Every structure is written in C-alpha cells, then in structure tokens.
C-alpha cells in the first residue's frame, strides 16, 4: 500500500552558491559524512549534493512528518541504484527513490510503501 510520494527539484548553481556562502557547516547540517565523501569523489560535487538534497526533501515530503536532513541518508548500491536509509521509518516500510540531474537541475522522486 502506498503511504506517500514526494518530488523535488533543485537548481544546481543556486545550491552551489549556498555551499560557497555558508561553508562546511552548511554541508554538515544537511548531509552525513558518507554522503559528503561520495560527492567529493565526483568531478562536480555540487551536482551530486544538489541531487541528494532533492532526494532528502522528497523523502521528507513523502513521509509527511518532520525529519531532520541528516536522519535521511541517500547512498548508492554497487550497481549505482540510489538507496535511502531513514531511521524514522520502521521495517514495515520500503522507500523507492529515483534521482536525475541534467541541464543544471537535479530532480528526485520518492515513493513510500507499507509492506
């Protein structure tokens, strides 16, 4: 049974500007250490951070209840498929997520299902 859906879009250059203005503390408030490490391993970290931010927002929207950004972690399986870890959701739920970035935009969509 579907419990919630969420979608979000982020302008990459605007997000990059926020990172430059607000610095490391901004990143630490939004992302886990593993998410930051992943993004910094890429040629354009801001693209991957913007995409993960969009993914976190859409998970929070789908959940329908306030969560902190660091309570939602977006990682990748070895295949590259994004996977969500959220402490607030118990094992009775599954989160499916899709992330894309192109043309200066990062978009994510999440679907939460009750098992």
PDB file of N, CA and C in Angstrom:
ATOM      1  N   UNK A   1       0.833  -1.168   0.000  1.00  0.00           N
ATOM      2  CA  UNK A   1       0.000   0.000   0.000  1.00  0.00           C
ATOM      3  C   UNK A   1       0.891   1.250   0.000  1.00  0.00           C
ATOM      4  N   UNK A   2       0.580   2.202  -0.852  1.00  0.00           N
ATOM      5  CA  UNK A   2       1.355   3.438  -0.927  1.00  0.00           C
ATOM      6  C   UNK A   2       0.996   4.333   0.251  1.00  0.00           C
ATOM      7  N   UNK A   3       2.017   4.748   0.981  1.00  0.00           N
ATOM      8  CA  UNK A   3       1.840   5.625   2.143  1.00  0.00           C
ATOM      9  C   UNK A   3       2.122   7.085   1.805  1.00  0.00           C
ATOM     10  N   UNK A   4       2.986   7.321   0.826  1.00  0.00           N
ATOM     11  CA  UNK A   4       3.297   8.702   0.464  1.00  0.00           C
ATOM     12  C   UNK A   4       4.204   8.778  -0.740  1.00  0.00           C
ATOM     13  N   UNK A   5       4.120   9.907  -1.429  1.00  0.00           N
ATOM     14  CA  UNK A   5       5.027  10.183  -2.544  1.00  0.00           C
ATOM     15  C   UNK A   5       5.562  11.595  -2.372  1.00  0.00           C
ATOM     16  N   UNK A   6       6.708  11.832  -2.937  1.00  0.00           N
ATOM     17  CA  UNK A   6       7.289  13.168  -2.886  1.00  0.00           C
ATOM     18  C   UNK A   6       8.156  13.400  -4.108  1.00  0.00           C
ATOM     19  N   UNK A   7       8.274  14.649  -4.501  1.00  0.00           N
ATOM     20  CA  UNK A   7       9.117  15.032  -5.631  1.00  0.00           C
ATOM     21  C   UNK A   7       9.752  16.374  -5.292  1.00  0.00           C
ATOM     22  N   UNK A   8      10.977  16.587  -5.767  1.00  0.00           N
ATOM     23  CA  UNK A   8      11.639  17.863  -5.540  1.00  0.00           C
ATOM     24  C   UNK A   8      12.624  18.131  -6.675  1.00  0.00           C
ATOM     25  N   UNK A   9      12.866  19.406  -6.908  1.00  0.00           N
ATOM     26  CA  UNK A   9      13.802  19.849  -7.944  1.00  0.00           C
ATOM     27  C   UNK A   9      14.694  20.931  -7.349  1.00  0.00           C
ATOM     28  N   UNK A  10      15.984  20.879  -7.686  1.00  0.00           N
ATOM     29  CA  UNK A  10      16.961  21.832  -7.162  1.00  0.00           C
ATOM     30  C   UNK A  10      17.782  22.374  -8.322  1.00  0.00           C
ATOM     31  N   UNK A  11      17.964  23.680  -8.346  1.00  0.00           N
ATOM     32  CA  UNK A  11      18.833  24.316  -9.317  1.00  0.00           C
ATOM     33  C   UNK A  11      20.279  24.178  -8.819  1.00  0.00           C
ATOM     34  N   UNK A  12      21.117  23.479  -9.566  1.00  0.00           N
ATOM     35  CA  UNK A  12      22.462  23.131  -9.111  1.00  0.00           C
ATOM     36  C   UNK A  12      23.306  24.370  -8.819  1.00  0.00           C
ATOM     37  N   UNK A  13      23.312  25.364  -9.689  1.00  0.00           N
ATOM     38  CA  UNK A  13      24.149  26.557  -9.464  1.00  0.00           C
ATOM     39  C   UNK A  13      23.707  27.326  -8.225  1.00  0.00           C
ATOM     40  N   UNK A  14      22.440  27.387  -7.986  1.00  0.00           N
ATOM     41  CA  UNK A  14      21.934  28.051  -6.777  1.00  0.00           C
ATOM     42  C   UNK A  14      22.379  27.294  -5.526  1.00  0.00           C
ATOM     43  N   UNK A  15      22.316  25.970  -5.581  1.00  0.00           N
ATOM     44  CA  UNK A  15      22.762  25.157  -4.457  1.00  0.00           C
ATOM     45  C   UNK A  15      24.271  25.311  -4.247  1.00  0.00           C
ATOM     46  N   UNK A  16      25.015  25.352  -5.338  1.00  0.00           N
ATOM     47  CA  UNK A  16      26.471  25.554  -5.257  1.00  0.00           C
ATOM     48  C   UNK A  16      26.787  26.894  -4.585  1.00  0.00           C
ATOM     49  N   UNK A  17      26.037  27.926  -4.930  1.00  0.00           N
ATOM     50  CA  UNK A  17      26.219  29.233  -4.306  1.00  0.00           C
ATOM     51  C   UNK A  17      25.961  29.187  -2.808  1.00  0.00           C
ATOM     52  N   UNK A  18      24.959  28.447  -2.399  1.00  0.00           N
ATOM     53  CA  UNK A  18      24.655  28.310  -0.967  1.00  0.00           C
ATOM     54  C   UNK A  18      25.806  27.609  -0.249  1.00  0.00           C
ATOM     55  N   UNK A  19      26.375  26.606  -0.877  1.00  0.00           N
ATOM     56  CA  UNK A  19      27.521  25.904  -0.288  1.00  0.00           C
ATOM     57  C   UNK A  19      28.702  26.860  -0.139  1.00  0.00           C
ATOM     58  N   UNK A  20      28.967  27.637  -1.177  1.00  0.00           N
ATOM     59  CA  UNK A  20      30.092  28.577  -1.133  1.00  0.00           C
ATOM     60  C   UNK A  20      29.890  29.667  -0.081  1.00  0.00           C
ATOM     61  N   UNK A  21      28.665  30.156   0.060  1.00  0.00           N
ATOM     62  CA  UNK A  21      28.382  31.212   1.043  1.00  0.00           C
ATOM     63  C   UNK A  21      28.394  30.697   2.474  1.00  0.00           C
ATOM     64  N   UNK A  22      27.825  29.529   2.670  1.00  0.00           N
ATOM     65  CA  UNK A  22      27.605  29.038   4.038  1.00  0.00           C
ATOM     66  C   UNK A  22      28.669  28.074   4.534  1.00  0.00           C
ATOM     67  N   UNK A  23      29.443  27.491   3.635  1.00  0.00           N
ATOM     68  CA  UNK A  23      30.586  26.682   4.019  1.00  0.00           C
ATOM     69  C   UNK A  23      30.306  25.290   4.538  1.00  0.00           C
ATOM     70  N   UNK A  24      31.329  24.761   5.206  1.00  0.00           N
ATOM     71  CA  UNK A  24      31.321  23.380   5.677  1.00  0.00           C
ATOM     72  C   UNK A  24      30.196  23.090   6.673  1.00  0.00           C
ATOM     73  N   UNK A  25      29.890  24.050   7.518  1.00  0.00           N
ATOM     74  CA  UNK A  25      28.821  23.859   8.494  1.00  0.00           C
ATOM     75  C   UNK A  25      27.480  23.598   7.829  1.00  0.00           C
ATOM     76  N   UNK A  26      27.246  24.259   6.705  1.00  0.00           N
ATOM     77  CA  UNK A  26      26.025  24.058   5.919  1.00  0.00           C
ATOM     78  C   UNK A  26      25.934  22.609   5.454  1.00  0.00           C
ATOM     79  N   UNK A  27      27.041  22.102   4.917  1.00  0.00           N
ATOM     80  CA  UNK A  27      27.060  20.711   4.450  1.00  0.00           C
ATOM     81  C   UNK A  27      26.827  19.744   5.601  1.00  0.00           C
ATOM     82  N   UNK A  28      27.458  19.995   6.733  1.00  0.00           N
ATOM     83  CA  UNK A  28      27.343  19.095   7.892  1.00  0.00           C
ATOM     84  C   UNK A  28      25.932  19.089   8.478  1.00  0.00           C
ATOM     85  N   UNK A  29      25.177  20.175   8.294  1.00  0.00           N
ATOM     86  CA  UNK A  29      23.793  20.203   8.775  1.00  0.00           C
ATOM     87  C   UNK A  29      22.854  19.403   7.870  1.00  0.00           C
ATOM     88  N   UNK A  30      23.220  19.295   6.599  1.00  0.00           N
ATOM     89  CA  UNK A  30      22.340  18.648   5.624  1.00  0.00           C
ATOM     90  C   UNK A  30      22.697  17.203   5.305  1.00  0.00           C
ATOM     91  N   UNK A  31      23.986  16.889   5.326  1.00  0.00           N
ATOM     92  CA  UNK A  31      24.450  15.607   4.805  1.00  0.00           C
ATOM     93  C   UNK A  31      25.249  14.813   5.833  1.00  0.00           C
ATOM     94  N   UNK A  32      25.197  13.501   5.687  1.00  0.00           N
ATOM     95  CA  UNK A  32      26.033  12.638   6.517  1.00  0.00           C
ATOM     96  C   UNK A  32      27.459  12.647   5.957  1.00  0.00           C
ATOM     97  N   UNK A  33      28.384  12.170   6.753  1.00  0.00           N
ATOM     98  CA  UNK A  33      29.780  12.109   6.303  1.00  0.00           C
ATOM     99  C   UNK A  33      29.919  11.241   5.052  1.00  0.00           C
ATOM    100  N   UNK A  34      29.172  10.146   4.999  1.00  0.00           N
ATOM    101  CA  UNK A  34      29.262   9.256   3.826  1.00  0.00           C
ATOM    102  C   UNK A  34      28.733   9.934   2.561  1.00  0.00           C
ATOM    103  N   UNK A  35      27.684  10.740   2.691  1.00  0.00           N
ATOM    104  CA  UNK A  35      27.147  11.460   1.528  1.00  0.00           C
ATOM    105  C   UNK A  35      28.151  12.500   1.028  1.00  0.00           C
ATOM    106  N   UNK A  36      28.771  13.212   1.944  1.00  0.00           N
ATOM    107  CA  UNK A  36      29.764  14.226   1.569  1.00  0.00           C
ATOM    108  C   UNK A  36      30.969  13.566   0.902  1.00  0.00           C
ATOM    109  N   UNK A  37      31.437  12.477   1.463  1.00  0.00           N
ATOM    110  CA  UNK A  37      32.574  11.745   0.903  1.00  0.00           C
ATOM    111  C   UNK A  37      32.262  11.264  -0.514  1.00  0.00           C
ATOM    112  N   UNK A  38      31.070  10.726  -0.711  1.00  0.00           N
ATOM    113  CA  UNK A  38      30.658  10.273  -2.039  1.00  0.00           C
ATOM    114  C   UNK A  38      30.701  11.426  -3.043  1.00  0.00           C
ATOM    115  N   UNK A  39      30.086  12.544  -2.689  1.00  0.00           N
ATOM    116  CA  UNK A  39      30.013  13.680  -3.613  1.00  0.00           C
ATOM    117  C   UNK A  39      31.394  14.246  -3.920  1.00  0.00           C
ATOM    118  N   UNK A  40      32.241  14.316  -2.918  1.00  0.00           N
ATOM    119  CA  UNK A  40      33.592  14.871  -3.125  1.00  0.00           C
ATOM    120  C   UNK A  40      34.456  13.972  -3.995  1.00  0.00           C
ATOM    121  N   UNK A  41      34.056  12.743  -4.182  1.00  0.00           N
ATOM    122  CA  UNK A  41      34.768  11.837  -5.069  1.00  0.00           C
ATOM    123  C   UNK A  41      34.373  12.009  -6.532  1.00  0.00           C
ATOM    124  N   UNK A  42      33.451  12.907  -6.793  1.00  0.00           N
ATOM    125  CA  UNK A  42      32.970  13.156  -8.155  1.00  0.00           C
ATOM    126  C   UNK A  42      33.586  14.426  -8.725  1.00  0.00           C
ATOM    127  N   UNK A  43      33.577  14.531 -10.051  1.00  0.00           N
ATOM    128  CA  UNK A  43      34.166  15.704 -10.724  1.00  0.00           C
ATOM    129  C   UNK A  43      33.446  16.991 -10.348  1.00  0.00           C
ATOM    130  N   UNK A  44      32.130  16.951 -10.224  1.00  0.00           N
ATOM    131  CA  UNK A  44      31.338  18.132  -9.845  1.00  0.00           C
ATOM    132  C   UNK A  44      30.504  17.781  -8.606  1.00  0.00           C
ATOM    133  N   UNK A  45      31.110  17.892  -7.426  1.00  0.00           N
ATOM    134  CA  UNK A  45      30.415  17.503  -6.196  1.00  0.00           C
ATOM    135  C   UNK A  45      29.079  18.214  -5.995  1.00  0.00           C
ATOM    136  N   UNK A  46      28.984  19.467  -6.433  1.00  0.00           N
ATOM    137  CA  UNK A  46      27.746  20.224  -6.217  1.00  0.00           C
ATOM    138  C   UNK A  46      26.542  19.585  -6.903  1.00  0.00           C
ATOM    139  N   UNK A  47      26.770  18.925  -8.033  1.00  0.00           N
ATOM    140  CA  UNK A  47      25.680  18.252  -8.743  1.00  0.00           C
ATOM    141  C   UNK A  47      25.133  17.105  -7.887  1.00  0.00           C
ATOM    142  N   UNK A  48      26.031  16.334  -7.327  1.00  0.00           N
ATOM    143  CA  UNK A  48      25.629  15.169  -6.534  1.00  0.00           C
ATOM    144  C   UNK A  48      25.050  15.585  -5.176  1.00  0.00           C
ATOM    145  N   UNK A  49      25.553  16.661  -4.619  1.00  0.00           N
ATOM    146  CA  UNK A  49      24.978  17.171  -3.374  1.00  0.00           C
ATOM    147  C   UNK A  49      23.579  17.738  -3.617  1.00  0.00           C
ATOM    148  N   UNK A  50      23.410  18.475  -4.710  1.00  0.00           N
ATOM    149  CA  UNK A  50      22.086  19.018  -5.038  1.00  0.00           C
ATOM    150  C   UNK A  50      21.086  17.883  -5.261  1.00  0.00           C
ATOM    151  N   UNK A  51      21.527  16.824  -5.936  1.00  0.00           N
ATOM    152  CA  UNK A  51      20.647  15.684  -6.192  1.00  0.00           C
ATOM    153  C   UNK A  51      20.266  14.992  -4.887  1.00  0.00           C
ATOM    154  N   UNK A  52      21.221  14.836  -3.987  1.00  0.00           N
ATOM    155  CA  UNK A  52      20.923  14.209  -2.706  1.00  0.00           C
ATOM    156  C   UNK A  52      20.028  15.091  -1.844  1.00  0.00           C
ATOM    157  N   UNK A  53      20.215  16.403  -1.940  1.00  0.00           N
ATOM    158  CA  UNK A  53      19.334  17.313  -1.207  1.00  0.00           C
ATOM    159  C   UNK A  53      17.900  17.164  -1.722  1.00  0.00           C
ATOM    160  N   UNK A  54      17.733  17.150  -3.044  1.00  0.00           N
ATOM    161  CA  UNK A  54      16.395  16.946  -3.621  1.00  0.00           C
ATOM    162  C   UNK A  54      15.807  15.623  -3.162  1.00  0.00           C
ATOM    163  N   UNK A  55      16.626  14.584  -3.105  1.00  0.00           N
ATOM    164  CA  UNK A  55      16.154  13.274  -2.675  1.00  0.00           C
ATOM    165  C   UNK A  55      15.702  13.302  -1.213  1.00  0.00           C
ATOM    166  N   UNK A  56      16.467  13.958  -0.368  1.00  0.00           N
ATOM    167  CA  UNK A  56      16.094  14.057   1.048  1.00  0.00           C
ATOM    168  C   UNK A  56      14.768  14.803   1.206  1.00  0.00           C
ATOM    169  N   UNK A  57      14.618  15.907   0.485  1.00  0.00           N
ATOM    170  CA  UNK A  57      13.386  16.694   0.567  1.00  0.00           C
ATOM    171  C   UNK A  57      12.194  15.858   0.117  1.00  0.00           C
ATOM    172  N   UNK A  58      12.337  15.119  -0.964  1.00  0.00           N
ATOM    173  CA  UNK A  58      11.185  14.342  -1.436  1.00  0.00           C
ATOM    174  C   UNK A  58      10.863  13.192  -0.489  1.00  0.00           C
ATOM    175  N   UNK A  59      11.849  12.610   0.170  1.00  0.00           N
ATOM    176  CA  UNK A  59      11.575  11.575   1.173  1.00  0.00           C
ATOM    177  C   UNK A  59      10.824  12.184   2.350  1.00  0.00           C
ATOM    178  N   UNK A  60      11.262  13.361   2.795  1.00  0.00           N
ATOM    179  CA  UNK A  60      10.592  14.048   3.902  1.00  0.00           C
ATOM    180  C   UNK A  60       9.153  14.382   3.523  1.00  0.00           C
ATOM    181  N   UNK A  61       8.937  14.840   2.301  1.00  0.00           N
ATOM    182  CA  UNK A  61       7.572  15.119   1.828  1.00  0.00           C
ATOM    183  C   UNK A  61       6.733  13.847   1.815  1.00  0.00           C
ATOM    184  N   UNK A  62       7.294  12.772   1.320  1.00  0.00           N
ATOM    185  CA  UNK A  62       6.552  11.516   1.230  1.00  0.00           C
ATOM    186  C   UNK A  62       6.223  10.962   2.612  1.00  0.00           C
ATOM    187  N   UNK A  63       7.122  11.145   3.545  1.00  0.00           N
ATOM    188  CA  UNK A  63       6.920  10.648   4.896  1.00  0.00           C
ATOM    189  C   UNK A  63       5.806  11.428   5.593  1.00  0.00           C
ATOM    190  N   UNK A  64       5.675  12.705   5.259  1.00  0.00           N
ATOM    191  CA  UNK A  64       4.576  13.505   5.781  1.00  0.00           C
ATOM    192  C   UNK A  64       4.728  13.944   7.217  1.00  0.00           C
ATOM    193  N   UNK A  65       5.908  13.827   7.748  1.00  0.00           N
ATOM    194  CA  UNK A  65       6.171  14.202   9.133  1.00  0.00           C
ATOM    195  C   UNK A  65       7.573  14.789   9.196  1.00  0.00           C
ATOM    196  N   UNK A  66       7.812  15.729  10.097  1.00  0.00           N
ATOM    197  CA  UNK A  66       9.125  16.376  10.113  1.00  0.00           C
ATOM    198  C   UNK A  66      10.264  15.406  10.422  1.00  0.00           C
ATOM    199  N   UNK A  67      11.259  15.463   9.596  1.00  0.00           N
ATOM    200  CA  UNK A  67      12.512  14.734   9.800  1.00  0.00           C
ATOM    201  C   UNK A  67      13.648  15.727   9.618  1.00  0.00           C
ATOM    202  N   UNK A  68      14.738  15.470  10.264  1.00  0.00           N
ATOM    203  CA  UNK A  68      15.943  16.286  10.026  1.00  0.00           C
ATOM    204  C   UNK A  68      16.656  15.718   8.810  1.00  0.00           C
ATOM    205  N   UNK A  69      17.346  16.603   8.102  1.00  0.00           N
ATOM    206  CA  UNK A  69      18.016  16.175   6.872  1.00  0.00           C
ATOM    207  C   UNK A  69      19.006  15.044   7.123  1.00  0.00           C
ATOM    208  N   UNK A  70      19.726  15.101   8.221  1.00  0.00           N
ATOM    209  CA  UNK A  70      20.720  14.064   8.499  1.00  0.00           C
ATOM    210  C   UNK A  70      20.080  12.749   8.949  1.00  0.00           C
ATOM    211  N   UNK A  71      18.786  12.737   9.208  1.00  0.00           N
ATOM    212  CA  UNK A  71      18.091  11.498   9.549  1.00  0.00           C
ATOM    213  C   UNK A  71      17.729  10.689   8.305  1.00  0.00           C
ATOM    214  N   UNK A  72      17.917  11.303   7.150  1.00  0.00           N
ATOM    215  CA  UNK A  72      17.676  10.639   5.863  1.00  0.00           C
ATOM    216  C   UNK A  72      19.017  10.593   5.144  1.00  0.00           C
ATOM    217  N   UNK A  73      19.467   9.400   4.804  1.00  0.00           N
ATOM    218  CA  UNK A  73      20.754   9.250   4.125  1.00  0.00           C
ATOM    219  C   UNK A  73      20.521   8.605   2.772  1.00  0.00           C
ATOM    220  N   UNK A  74      21.108   9.211   1.740  1.00  0.00           N
ATOM    221  CA  UNK A  74      20.977   8.715   0.369  1.00  0.00           C
ATOM    222  C   UNK A  74      22.342   8.190  -0.064  1.00  0.00           C
ATOM    223  N   UNK A  75      22.436   6.898  -0.275  1.00  0.00           N
ATOM    224  CA  UNK A  75      23.678   6.278  -0.735  1.00  0.00           C
ATOM    225  C   UNK A  75      23.398   5.533  -2.035  1.00  0.00           C
ATOM    226  N   UNK A  76      24.395   4.843  -2.535  1.00  0.00           N
ATOM    227  CA  UNK A  76      24.227   4.071  -3.763  1.00  0.00           C
ATOM    228  C   UNK A  76      24.661   2.639  -3.549  1.00  0.00           C
ATOM    229  N   UNK A  77      23.912   1.726  -4.150  1.00  0.00           N
ATOM    230  CA  UNK A  77      24.344   0.338  -4.200  1.00  0.00           C
ATOM    231  C   UNK A  77      25.506   0.236  -5.184  1.00  0.00           C
ATOM    232  N   UNK A  78      26.180  -0.894  -5.216  1.00  0.00           N
ATOM    233  CA  UNK A  78      27.302  -1.089  -6.136  1.00  0.00           C
ATOM    234  C   UNK A  78      26.876  -0.878  -7.584  1.00  0.00           C
ATOM    235  N   UNK A  79      25.625  -1.172  -7.888  1.00  0.00           N
ATOM    236  CA  UNK A  79      25.103  -1.008  -9.251  1.00  0.00           C
ATOM    237  C   UNK A  79      24.884   0.458  -9.621  1.00  0.00           C
ATOM    238  N   UNK A  80      24.923   1.348  -8.611  1.00  0.00           N
ATOM    239  CA  UNK A  80      24.646   2.760  -8.844  1.00  0.00           C
ATOM    240  C   UNK A  80      23.237   3.156  -8.429  1.00  0.00           C
ATOM    241  N   UNK A  81      22.384   2.184  -8.172  1.00  0.00           N
ATOM    242  CA  UNK A  81      21.000   2.455  -7.762  1.00  0.00           C
ATOM    243  C   UNK A  81      20.987   3.179  -6.419  1.00  0.00           C
ATOM    244  N   UNK A  82      20.271   4.306  -6.335  1.00  0.00           N
ATOM    245  CA  UNK A  82      20.203   5.012  -5.051  1.00  0.00           C
ATOM    246  C   UNK A  82      19.351   4.252  -4.044  1.00  0.00           C
ATOM    247  N   UNK A  83      19.761   4.339  -2.806  1.00  0.00           N
ATOM    248  CA  UNK A  83      19.038   3.676  -1.724  1.00  0.00           C
ATOM    249  C   UNK A  83      18.924   4.657  -0.558  1.00  0.00           C
ATOM    250  N   UNK A  84      17.797   4.581   0.145  1.00  0.00           N
ATOM    251  CA  UNK A  84      17.503   5.502   1.240  1.00  0.00           C
ATOM    252  C   UNK A  84      17.584   4.773   2.565  1.00  0.00           C
ATOM    253  N   UNK A  85      18.243   5.416   3.512  1.00  0.00           N
ATOM    254  CA  UNK A  85      18.243   4.954   4.892  1.00  0.00           C
ATOM    255  C   UNK A  85      17.595   6.058   5.715  1.00  0.00           C
ATOM    256  N   UNK A  86      16.519   5.729   6.418  1.00  0.00           N
ATOM    257  CA  UNK A  86      15.816   6.708   7.252  1.00  0.00           C
ATOM    258  C   UNK A  86      15.450   6.039   8.566  1.00  0.00           C
ATOM    259  N   UNK A  87      16.036   6.516   9.642  1.00  0.00           N
ATOM    260  CA  UNK A  87      15.820   5.910  10.952  1.00  0.00           C
ATOM    261  C   UNK A  87      14.366   5.998  11.402  1.00  0.00           C
ATOM    262  N   UNK A  88      13.640   6.995  10.941  1.00  0.00           N
ATOM    263  CA  UNK A  88      12.259   7.204  11.388  1.00  0.00           C
ATOM    264  C   UNK A  88      11.293   6.158  10.839  1.00  0.00           C
ATOM    265  N   UNK A  89      11.671   5.513   9.765  1.00  0.00           N
ATOM    266  CA  UNK A  89      10.793   4.504   9.167  1.00  0.00           C
ATOM    267  C   UNK A  89      11.168   3.127   9.681  1.00  0.00           C
ATOM    268  N   UNK A  90      10.180   2.392  10.149  1.00  0.00           N
ATOM    269  CA  UNK A  90      10.470   1.052  10.635  1.00  0.00           C
ATOM    270  C   UNK A  90      10.499   0.062   9.473  1.00  0.00           C
ATOM    271  N   UNK A  91      10.689  -1.185   9.804  1.00  0.00           N
ATOM    272  CA  UNK A  91      10.858  -2.224   8.778  1.00  0.00           C
ATOM    273  C   UNK A  91       9.581  -2.554   8.025  1.00  0.00           C
ATOM    274  N   UNK A  92       8.470  -1.981   8.432  1.00  0.00           N
ATOM    275  CA  UNK A  92       7.209  -2.206   7.730  1.00  0.00           C
ATOM    276  C   UNK A  92       7.076  -1.338   6.482  1.00  0.00           C
ATOM    277  N   UNK A  93       8.095  -0.526   6.206  1.00  0.00           N
ATOM    278  CA  UNK A  93       8.054   0.388   5.074  1.00  0.00           C
ATOM    279  C   UNK A  93       9.205   0.135   4.114  1.00  0.00           C
ATOM    280  N   UNK A  94       8.964   0.441   2.850  1.00  0.00           N
ATOM    281  CA  UNK A  94      10.013   0.412   1.828  1.00  0.00           C
ATOM    282  C   UNK A  94       9.996   1.770   1.127  1.00  0.00           C
ATOM    283  N   UNK A  95      11.173   2.327   0.900  1.00  0.00           N
ATOM    284  CA  UNK A  95      11.291   3.598   0.186  1.00  0.00           C
ATOM    285  C   UNK A  95      11.954   3.321  -1.153  1.00  0.00           C
ATOM    286  N   UNK A  96      11.299   3.701  -2.235  1.00  0.00           N
ATOM    287  CA  UNK A  96      11.887   3.647  -3.574  1.00  0.00           C
ATOM    288  C   UNK A  96      12.180   5.076  -3.989  1.00  0.00           C
ATOM    289  N   UNK A  97      13.338   5.262  -4.608  1.00  0.00           N
ATOM    290  CA  UNK A  97      13.730   6.621  -4.978  1.00  0.00           C
ATOM    291  C   UNK A  97      14.373   6.632  -6.354  1.00  0.00           C
ATOM    292  N   UNK A  98      14.158   7.713  -7.070  1.00  0.00           N
ATOM    293  CA  UNK A  98      14.792   7.936  -8.356  1.00  0.00           C
ATOM    294  C   UNK A  98      15.392   9.332  -8.345  1.00  0.00           C
ATOM    295  N   UNK A  99      16.625   9.439  -8.835  1.00  0.00           N
ATOM    296  CA  UNK A  99      17.349  10.726  -8.849  1.00  0.00           C
ATOM    297  C   UNK A  99      17.911  10.928 -10.248  1.00  0.00           C
ATOM    298  N   UNK A 100      17.839  12.163 -10.735  1.00  0.00           N
ATOM    299  CA  UNK A 100      18.464  12.503 -12.010  1.00  0.00           C
ATOM    300  C   UNK A 100      18.983  13.929 -11.950  1.00  0.00           C
ATOM    301  N   UNK A 101      19.958  14.221 -12.800  1.00  0.00           N
ATOM    302  CA  UNK A 101      20.441  15.594 -12.926  1.00  0.00           C
ATOM    303  C   UNK A 101      20.877  15.831 -14.366  1.00  0.00           C
ATOM    304  N   UNK A 102      20.447  16.983 -14.878  1.00  0.00           N
ATOM    305  CA  UNK A 102      20.757  17.347 -16.255  1.00  0.00           C
ATOM    306  C   UNK A 102      20.379  18.808 -16.458  1.00  0.00           C
ATOM    307  N   UNK A 103      21.093  19.485 -17.317  1.00  0.00           N
ATOM    308  CA  UNK A 103      20.741  20.853 -17.676  1.00  0.00           C
ATOM    309  C   UNK A 103      20.719  21.806 -16.499  1.00  0.00           C
ATOM    310  N   UNK A 104      21.554  21.561 -15.504  1.00  0.00           N
ATOM    311  CA  UNK A 104      21.621  22.462 -14.360  1.00  0.00           C
ATOM    312  C   UNK A 104      20.572  22.205 -13.290  1.00  0.00           C
ATOM    313  N   UNK A 105      19.807  21.137 -13.438  1.00  0.00           N
ATOM    314  CA  UNK A 105      18.777  20.804 -12.457  1.00  0.00           C
ATOM    315  C   UNK A 105      19.010  19.405 -11.898  1.00  0.00           C
ATOM    316  N   UNK A 106      18.638  19.225 -10.644  1.00  0.00           N
ATOM    317  CA  UNK A 106      18.635  17.912 -10.008  1.00  0.00           C
ATOM    318  C   UNK A 106      17.210  17.629  -9.559  1.00  0.00           C
ATOM    319  N   UNK A 107      16.712  16.446  -9.877  1.00  0.00           N
ATOM    320  CA  UNK A 107      15.324  16.077  -9.573  1.00  0.00           C
ATOM    321  C   UNK A 107      15.325  14.716  -8.877  1.00  0.00           C
ATOM    322  N   UNK A 108      14.432  14.587  -7.901  1.00  0.00           N
ATOM    323  CA  UNK A 108      14.270  13.294  -7.227  1.00  0.00           C
ATOM    324  C   UNK A 108      12.798  13.055  -6.942  1.00  0.00           C
ATOM    325  N   UNK A 109      12.447  11.768  -6.909  1.00  0.00           N
ATOM    326  CA  UNK A 109      11.097  11.368  -6.572  1.00  0.00           C
ATOM    327  C   UNK A 109      11.191  10.163  -5.625  1.00  0.00           C
ATOM    328  N   UNK A 110      10.340  10.159  -4.604  1.00  0.00           N
ATOM    329  CA  UNK A 110      10.317   9.062  -3.645  1.00  0.00           C
ATOM    330  C   UNK A 110       8.914   8.499  -3.500  1.00  0.00           C
ATOM    331  N   UNK A 111       8.861   7.220  -3.243  1.00  0.00           N
ATOM    332  CA  UNK A 111       7.615   6.512  -3.008  1.00  0.00           C
ATOM    333  C   UNK A 111       7.801   5.670  -1.744  1.00  0.00           C
ATOM    334  N   UNK A 112       6.916   5.855  -0.769  1.00  0.00           N
ATOM    335  CA  UNK A 112       6.971   5.066   0.457  1.00  0.00           C
ATOM    336  C   UNK A 112       5.802   4.091   0.441  1.00  0.00           C
ATOM    337  N   UNK A 113       6.114   2.823   0.633  1.00  0.00           N
ATOM    338  CA  UNK A 113       5.104   1.762   0.645  1.00  0.00           C
ATOM    339  C   UNK A 113       5.096   1.053   1.988  1.00  0.00           C
ATOM    340  N   UNK A 114       3.922   0.717   2.451  1.00  0.00           N
ATOM    341  CA  UNK A 114       3.788  -0.130   3.633  1.00  0.00           C
ATOM    342  C   UNK A 114       3.821  -1.576   3.142  1.00  0.00           C
ATOM    343  N   UNK A 115       4.633  -2.390   3.755  1.00  0.00           N
ATOM    344  CA  UNK A 115       4.767  -3.799   3.336  1.00  0.00           C
ATOM    345  C   UNK A 115       3.701  -4.664   3.951  1.00  0.00           C
TER     346      UNK A 115
END
